Every structure is written in structure tokens, then in C-alpha cells.
Amino acid sequence: MTLWDLTKNSLSTISHLSPTLEEALLVRLMEMGFETNQSITCLRRTPFSGPIVVQLGDSVFSLEQELAQHVYLATN
């Protein structure tokens, strides 16, 4: 399951980031806090495959589908 699959108001934990992700994007996501075992909550899903809005710690981020599909979540 990826971050893109997370439904509104759902909480999950980051499992890992895709190893196929471009190095610069991988580093940037890690700088923003997208790391293994971090809790993440979906705050909003926009229509027509628009960005997903998530909360990670005290920060809120908006990610496009192409990037959100590279953030894998732990399965319960």
C-alpha cells in the first residue's frame, strides 16, 4: 500500500520509500521527515487525482500522485 492509497482521516506508518525514486527526491523527502516508522495522516483527498494533503508530525504537506506512490505504508 502506498501513501496515495490512504483514505481521508486515516492514520498509517511509513514503511519505506521506493528505491527507484530519483536520488534528489529521496533526499528531499527524508529531509522533510518521510522516514521509516513515522506516523502519517491523510487530511484531504482532492478530486480528479489532485494532490493528497497529509500531516507528518507538526507539518502538513501536499503531494502529487506521482510522488505519493513512492511512499510505502506498513500494512496492518
C-alpha atoms as a PDB file:
ATOM      1  CA  MET A   1       0.000   0.000   0.000  1.00  0.00           C
ATOM      2  CA  THR A   2       1.290   3.457  -0.848  1.00  0.00           C
ATOM      3  CA  LEU A   3       0.552   6.882   0.542  1.00  0.00           C
ATOM      4  CA  TRP A   4      -1.659   7.509  -2.494  1.00  0.00           C
ATOM      5  CA  ASP A   5      -3.977   4.698  -1.301  1.00  0.00           C
ATOM      6  CA  LEU A   6      -4.520   6.240   2.142  1.00  0.00           C
ATOM      7  CA  THR A   7      -8.098   7.410   2.656  1.00  0.00           C
ATOM      8  CA  LYS A   8      -9.152  10.690   4.248  1.00  0.00           C
ATOM      9  CA  ASN A   9      -8.747  10.814   8.048  1.00  0.00           C
ATOM     10  CA  SER A  10      -6.740   7.558   8.029  1.00  0.00           C
ATOM     11  CA  LEU A  11      -3.557   7.107  10.028  1.00  0.00           C
ATOM     12  CA  SER A  12      -0.701   4.860   8.960  1.00  0.00           C
ATOM     13  CA  THR A  13       3.034   4.354   9.372  1.00  0.00           C
ATOM     14  CA  ILE A  14       5.664   4.813   6.687  1.00  0.00           C
ATOM     15  CA  SER A  15       7.304   1.509   5.783  1.00  0.00           C
ATOM     16  CA  HIS A  16       9.874   2.752   3.271  1.00  0.00           C
ATOM     17  CA  LEU A  17      10.484   4.973   0.270  1.00  0.00           C
ATOM     18  CA  SER A  18      10.775   3.475  -3.192  1.00  0.00           C
ATOM     19  CA  PRO A  19      14.371   2.677  -4.156  1.00  0.00           C
ATOM     20  CA  THR A  20      13.525   3.684  -7.739  1.00  0.00           C
ATOM     21  CA  LEU A  21      12.872   7.272  -6.669  1.00  0.00           C
ATOM     22  CA  GLU A  22      15.280   9.845  -8.061  1.00  0.00           C
ATOM     23  CA  GLU A  23      18.089  10.488  -5.561  1.00  0.00           C
ATOM     24  CA  ALA A  24      17.325  14.216  -5.157  1.00  0.00           C
ATOM     25  CA  LEU A  25      13.646  13.491  -4.411  1.00  0.00           C
ATOM     26  CA  LEU A  26      14.560  10.717  -1.994  1.00  0.00           C
ATOM     27  CA  VAL A  27      16.879  13.017  -0.062  1.00  0.00           C
ATOM     28  CA  ARG A  28      14.301  15.831  -0.028  1.00  0.00           C
ATOM     29  CA  LEU A  29      11.536  13.557   1.297  1.00  0.00           C
ATOM     30  CA  MET A  30      13.834  12.313   4.042  1.00  0.00           C
ATOM     31  CA  GLU A  31      14.738  15.911   4.964  1.00  0.00           C
ATOM     32  CA  MET A  32      11.008  16.642   5.262  1.00  0.00           C
ATOM     33  CA  GLY A  33      10.587  13.719   7.684  1.00  0.00           C
ATOM     34  CA  PHE A  34       9.309  10.947   5.415  1.00  0.00           C
ATOM     35  CA  GLU A  35      11.226   8.183   7.169  1.00  0.00           C
ATOM     36  CA  THR A  36      10.585   4.612   8.248  1.00  0.00           C
ATOM     37  CA  ASN A  37       8.214   4.210  11.218  1.00  0.00           C
ATOM     38  CA  GLN A  38       6.911   7.796  11.071  1.00  0.00           C
ATOM     39  CA  SER A  39       3.155   8.170  11.577  1.00  0.00           C
ATOM     40  CA  ILE A  40       1.298   9.915   8.769  1.00  0.00           C
ATOM     41  CA  THR A  41      -2.334  11.035   8.490  1.00  0.00           C
ATOM     42  CA  CYS A  42      -4.327  11.838   5.358  1.00  0.00           C
ATOM     43  CA  LEU A  43      -6.075  15.157   5.937  1.00  0.00           C
ATOM     44  CA  ARG A  44      -7.581  15.662   2.497  1.00  0.00           C
ATOM     45  CA  ARG A  45      -8.016  13.992  -0.870  1.00  0.00           C
ATOM     46  CA  THR A  46      -8.654  16.375  -3.708  1.00  0.00           C
ATOM     47  CA  PRO A  47     -10.874  15.392  -6.650  1.00  0.00           C
ATOM     48  CA  PHE A  48      -9.704  14.372 -10.124  1.00  0.00           C
ATOM     49  CA  SER A  49      -6.416  12.846  -8.907  1.00  0.00           C
ATOM     50  CA  GLY A  50      -5.311  16.145  -7.410  1.00  0.00           C
ATOM     51  CA  PRO A  51      -2.742  16.219  -4.615  1.00  0.00           C
ATOM     52  CA  ILE A  52      -3.162  14.425  -1.311  1.00  0.00           C
ATOM     53  CA  VAL A  53      -2.738  16.520   1.843  1.00  0.00           C
ATOM     54  CA  VAL A  54      -1.018  14.739   4.719  1.00  0.00           C
ATOM     55  CA  GLN A  55       0.190  15.528   8.205  1.00  0.00           C
ATOM     56  CA  LEU A  56       3.583  14.265   9.291  1.00  0.00           C
ATOM     57  CA  GLY A  57       4.444  15.298  12.820  1.00  0.00           C
ATOM     58  CA  ASP A  58       3.673  19.014  13.154  1.00  0.00           C
ATOM     59  CA  SER A  59       3.946  19.630   9.404  1.00  0.00           C
ATOM     60  CA  VAL A  60       1.371  19.469   6.616  1.00  0.00           C
ATOM     61  CA  PHE A  61       2.371  18.527   3.067  1.00  0.00           C
ATOM     62  CA  SER A  62       0.628  18.310  -0.279  1.00  0.00           C
ATOM     63  CA  LEU A  63       1.936  15.591  -2.601  1.00  0.00           C
ATOM     64  CA  GLU A  64       1.051  14.801  -6.190  1.00  0.00           C
ATOM     65  CA  GLN A  65       0.098  11.230  -7.095  1.00  0.00           C
ATOM     66  CA  GLU A  66       3.387  10.562  -8.896  1.00  0.00           C
ATOM     67  CA  LEU A  67       5.368  11.237  -5.715  1.00  0.00           C
ATOM     68  CA  ALA A  68       2.876   9.806  -3.182  1.00  0.00           C
ATOM     69  CA  GLN A  69       3.033   6.437  -4.953  1.00  0.00           C
ATOM     70  CA  HIS A  70       6.700   6.163  -3.955  1.00  0.00           C
ATOM     71  CA  VAL A  71       5.943   6.334  -0.216  1.00  0.00           C
ATOM     72  CA  TYR A  72       5.067   2.852   1.041  1.00  0.00           C
ATOM     73  CA  LEU A  73       2.992   2.298   4.167  1.00  0.00           C
ATOM     74  CA  ALA A  74       3.068  -0.521   6.688  1.00  0.00           C
ATOM     75  CA  THR A  75       0.199  -2.950   6.356  1.00  0.00           C
ATOM     76  CA  ASN A  76      -1.765  -3.715   9.487  1.00  0.00           C
END
